[in-house]
Amino acid sequence: MSVDELNKIIAVKKMDLEECEHELNNRYYPSIVRIAMMNYISNLQEQLKEYDNDVINL
């Protein structure tokens, strides 16, 4: 995967992460939905760390 492709993936995931965090903090959701959203946010954060490491290693 090229650096440009990784940068595009990172940008999309960062936007998704920001949007999810914003929604979680500014709207009411039932507990189960909040747990699922927090899990998704955690997964996105882990993926971003991995992609950032991949970019550094290229």
Protein backbone atom coordinates (compact mmCIF):
# COMPACT_ATOMS: atom_id res chain seq x y z
CA MET A 1 0.00 0.00 0.00
CA SER A 2 1.37 3.41 -0.90
CA VAL A 3 1.78 6.34 1.47
CA ASP A 4 -0.96 8.26 -0.36
CA GLU A 5 -3.41 5.38 0.10
CA LEU A 6 -2.56 5.12 3.78
CA ASN A 7 -2.97 8.87 4.24
CA LYS A 8 -6.42 8.75 2.63
CA ILE A 9 -7.46 5.86 4.89
CA ILE A 10 -6.16 7.70 7.94
CA ALA A 11 -8.03 10.89 6.99
CA VAL A 12 -11.33 9.04 6.58
CA LYS A 13 -10.91 7.16 9.85
CA LYS A 14 -10.05 10.39 11.69
CA MET A 15 -13.18 12.07 10.33
CA ASP A 16 -15.26 9.05 11.34
CA LEU A 17 -13.70 9.05 14.80
CA GLU A 18 -14.39 12.76 15.30
CA GLU A 19 -17.99 12.37 14.15
CA CYS A 20 -18.62 9.38 16.42
CA GLU A 21 -17.10 11.12 19.44
CA HIS A 22 -19.16 14.22 18.73
CA GLU A 23 -22.39 12.21 18.41
CA LEU A 24 -21.66 10.24 21.56
CA ASN A 25 -21.04 13.39 23.58
CA ASN A 26 -23.90 15.48 22.22
CA ARG A 27 -26.86 13.14 21.88
CA TYR A 28 -28.71 10.74 24.08
CA TYR A 29 -28.40 7.07 23.18
CA PRO A 30 -29.52 3.98 25.10
CA SER A 31 -26.78 2.25 27.09
CA ILE A 32 -26.28 -0.59 24.62
CA VAL A 33 -25.84 1.86 21.75
CA ARG A 34 -23.37 3.92 23.79
CA ILE A 35 -21.35 0.79 24.57
CA ALA A 36 -21.30 -0.17 20.89
CA MET A 37 -20.23 3.34 19.90
CA MET A 38 -17.46 3.38 22.51
CA ASN A 39 -16.26 0.01 21.23
CA TYR A 40 -16.26 1.33 17.66
CA ILE A 41 -14.36 4.45 18.75
CA SER A 42 -11.81 2.27 20.54
CA ASN A 43 -11.39 0.13 17.41
CA LEU A 44 -10.91 3.21 15.24
CA GLN A 45 -8.27 4.55 17.62
CA GLU A 46 -6.38 1.24 17.49
CA GLN A 47 -6.56 1.17 13.69
CA LEU A 48 -5.27 4.73 13.49
CA LYS A 49 -2.29 3.81 15.67
CA GLU A 50 -1.52 0.87 13.36
CA TYR A 51 -1.82 3.00 10.21
CA ASP A 52 0.32 5.73 11.72
CA ASN A 53 3.00 3.13 12.48
CA ASP A 54 2.75 1.81 8.91
CA VAL A 55 3.25 5.31 7.49
CA ILE A 56 6.28 5.85 9.71
CA ASN A 57 7.79 2.54 8.60
CA LEU A 58 7.39 3.24 4.87
